[in-house]
Protein backbone atom coordinates (compact mmCIF):
# COMPACT_ATOMS: atom_id res chain seq x y z
CA MET A 1 -55.68 -23.71 -60.62
CA GLY A 2 -56.23 -20.22 -59.43
CA ASN A 3 -56.22 -18.50 -56.08
CA ASP A 4 -58.74 -20.88 -54.52
CA TRP A 5 -56.03 -23.45 -53.67
CA PRO A 6 -55.26 -23.35 -49.95
CA GLU A 7 -51.58 -22.39 -50.29
CA HIS A 8 -50.81 -22.86 -46.59
CA CYS A 9 -51.67 -26.57 -47.00
CA PHE A 10 -48.68 -27.13 -49.30
CA LYS A 11 -45.85 -28.28 -47.05
CA ALA A 12 -42.27 -29.24 -47.91
CA TYR A 13 -43.06 -32.95 -48.34
CA ASP A 14 -46.82 -33.22 -48.60
CA ILE A 15 -50.16 -31.44 -48.70
CA ARG A 16 -52.10 -31.33 -45.42
CA GLY A 17 -55.18 -29.48 -44.23
CA LEU A 18 -58.69 -29.65 -42.87
CA ALA A 19 -60.88 -32.24 -44.56
CA TYR A 20 -64.22 -33.29 -43.13
CA GLY A 21 -66.17 -36.43 -43.89
CA ASP A 22 -69.01 -34.34 -45.34
CA GLY A 23 -66.74 -33.05 -48.14
CA THR A 24 -66.07 -29.62 -46.67
CA GLY A 25 -62.85 -28.08 -45.39
CA GLU A 26 -59.67 -26.95 -47.11
CA LEU A 27 -59.06 -30.26 -48.88
CA THR A 28 -62.33 -31.11 -50.57
CA PRO A 29 -63.25 -33.79 -53.11
CA GLU A 30 -63.08 -31.06 -55.80
CA PHE A 31 -59.55 -30.18 -54.65
CA ALA A 32 -58.60 -33.88 -54.88
CA TYR A 33 -60.02 -34.11 -58.41
CA ARG A 34 -58.11 -31.05 -59.54
CA LEU A 35 -54.96 -32.36 -57.89
CA GLY A 36 -55.36 -35.59 -59.84
CA ARG A 37 -55.70 -33.66 -63.10
CA ALA A 38 -52.64 -31.54 -62.24
CA VAL A 39 -50.54 -34.59 -61.36
CA ALA A 40 -51.61 -36.30 -64.58
CA SER A 41 -50.33 -33.35 -66.59
CA TYR A 42 -47.12 -33.00 -64.56
CA PHE A 43 -46.01 -36.62 -64.15
CA ASP A 44 -44.65 -38.47 -67.14
CA ALA A 45 -46.44 -41.64 -66.07
CA LYS A 46 -48.66 -44.30 -67.54
CA SER A 47 -49.79 -45.63 -64.16
CA ILE A 48 -49.86 -44.42 -60.56
CA ALA A 49 -50.64 -46.31 -57.35
CA VAL A 50 -53.09 -44.69 -54.93
CA GLY A 51 -53.62 -45.70 -51.31
CA ARG A 52 -55.61 -44.18 -48.47
CA ASP A 53 -55.96 -44.27 -44.72
CA ILE A 54 -59.12 -44.80 -42.64
CA ARG A 55 -60.11 -41.17 -41.98
CA ASP A 56 -63.73 -40.30 -42.76
CA SER A 57 -62.70 -37.94 -45.57
CA SER A 58 -60.29 -40.39 -47.25
CA PRO A 59 -62.76 -42.34 -49.46
CA ALA A 60 -64.12 -39.22 -51.19
CA LEU A 61 -60.66 -37.66 -51.53
CA ALA A 62 -59.15 -40.87 -52.95
CA ASN A 63 -62.06 -41.50 -55.34
CA ASN A 64 -61.94 -37.97 -56.73
CA LEU A 65 -58.15 -38.01 -56.94
CA MET A 66 -58.31 -41.27 -58.92
CA ARG A 67 -61.04 -39.85 -61.17
CA GLY A 68 -58.86 -36.82 -61.94
CA LEU A 69 -55.85 -39.03 -62.67
CA ALA A 70 -57.90 -41.32 -64.93
CA GLU A 71 -59.49 -38.44 -66.83
CA GLY A 72 -55.96 -37.09 -67.28
CA GLY A 73 -54.93 -40.32 -69.01
CA ILE A 74 -53.26 -42.13 -66.10
CA LYS A 75 -54.02 -45.78 -65.30
CA VAL A 76 -54.71 -45.99 -61.56
CA LEU A 77 -53.76 -48.91 -59.36
CA ASN A 78 -56.11 -48.59 -56.38
CA LEU A 79 -54.33 -50.03 -53.32
CA GLY A 80 -57.31 -49.34 -51.05
CA ILE A 81 -56.74 -48.89 -47.31
CA VAL A 82 -53.04 -49.41 -46.67
CA PRO A 83 -50.29 -48.00 -44.46
CA THR A 84 -48.10 -45.40 -46.13
CA GLY A 85 -45.19 -47.84 -46.24
CA CYS A 86 -47.25 -50.02 -48.57
CA LEU A 87 -47.48 -47.16 -51.06
CA TYR A 88 -43.72 -46.65 -50.93
CA HIS A 89 -43.23 -50.39 -51.44
CA SER A 90 -45.56 -50.31 -54.45
CA VAL A 91 -43.60 -47.62 -56.30
CA TRP A 92 -40.47 -49.78 -56.02
CA ASN A 93 -42.05 -53.16 -56.81
CA LEU A 94 -45.10 -52.68 -59.02
CA PRO A 95 -45.30 -51.49 -62.64
CA VAL A 96 -46.19 -47.90 -61.71
CA GLN A 97 -44.34 -44.65 -62.28
CA GLY A 98 -45.51 -42.91 -59.14
CA GLY A 99 -47.83 -43.02 -56.18
CA ILE A 100 -50.10 -40.90 -54.03
CA MET A 101 -51.17 -41.69 -50.48
CA VAL A 102 -54.27 -39.97 -49.08
CA THR A 103 -53.32 -39.45 -45.44
CA ALA A 104 -52.57 -36.77 -42.89
CA SER A 105 -49.70 -39.02 -41.85
CA HIS A 106 -48.72 -38.55 -38.22
CA LEU A 107 -51.40 -35.95 -37.43
CA PRO A 108 -53.83 -37.67 -35.06
CA MET A 109 -56.78 -35.32 -35.67
CA PRO A 110 -59.57 -36.97 -37.68
CA THR A 111 -60.44 -33.54 -39.14
CA HIS A 112 -57.18 -33.38 -41.09
CA ASN A 113 -56.09 -35.20 -44.21
CA GLY A 114 -53.58 -34.82 -46.98
CA PHE A 115 -51.59 -36.25 -49.85
CA LYS A 116 -48.08 -37.73 -49.98
CA MET A 117 -46.76 -38.08 -53.52
CA CYS A 118 -43.96 -39.96 -55.27
CA LYS A 119 -42.78 -39.33 -58.80
CA GLY A 120 -41.13 -42.53 -59.90
CA ASN A 121 -39.89 -44.00 -56.64
CA LEU A 122 -38.84 -40.66 -55.14
CA PRO A 123 -41.01 -38.69 -52.71
CA LEU A 124 -41.93 -35.17 -53.79
C-alpha cells in the first residue's frame, strides 16, 4: 500500500481520521477502496457485511470499500445505515465471515470517520 497510508489513523481497535463529504481528508474514497482490496486478500471469507453511519463522508467511503471487497472476490452484504451493534449482530447471525462498519464511533465531529472490522465474529 505504500507510504501514503495515514499511519496515525490506525488505532488499536479501528481506523479513524479526517474524512470530508467532498472526498478529501485522510480517509478518502480511494483509501476505502484500497482497504477493501486489502481486506479481501487478508480475510479468508466468501462474504462480508458492511454497514455505515450517517456522516456526510460515509456513503462514498462505504461504496468504495464495498467495490474494493467485490473486486477482491468477496460477496458484500450491504446493511446500509445501521448502528454499530447491528453490524456485530450480523456477524453472529448472518451467513457472513466478517464485517466492516464505516463510522467514527463515539467521535462526535462530523469531519471524522473510520472503519471498525470483524474477522469472523471477532473484532480486529
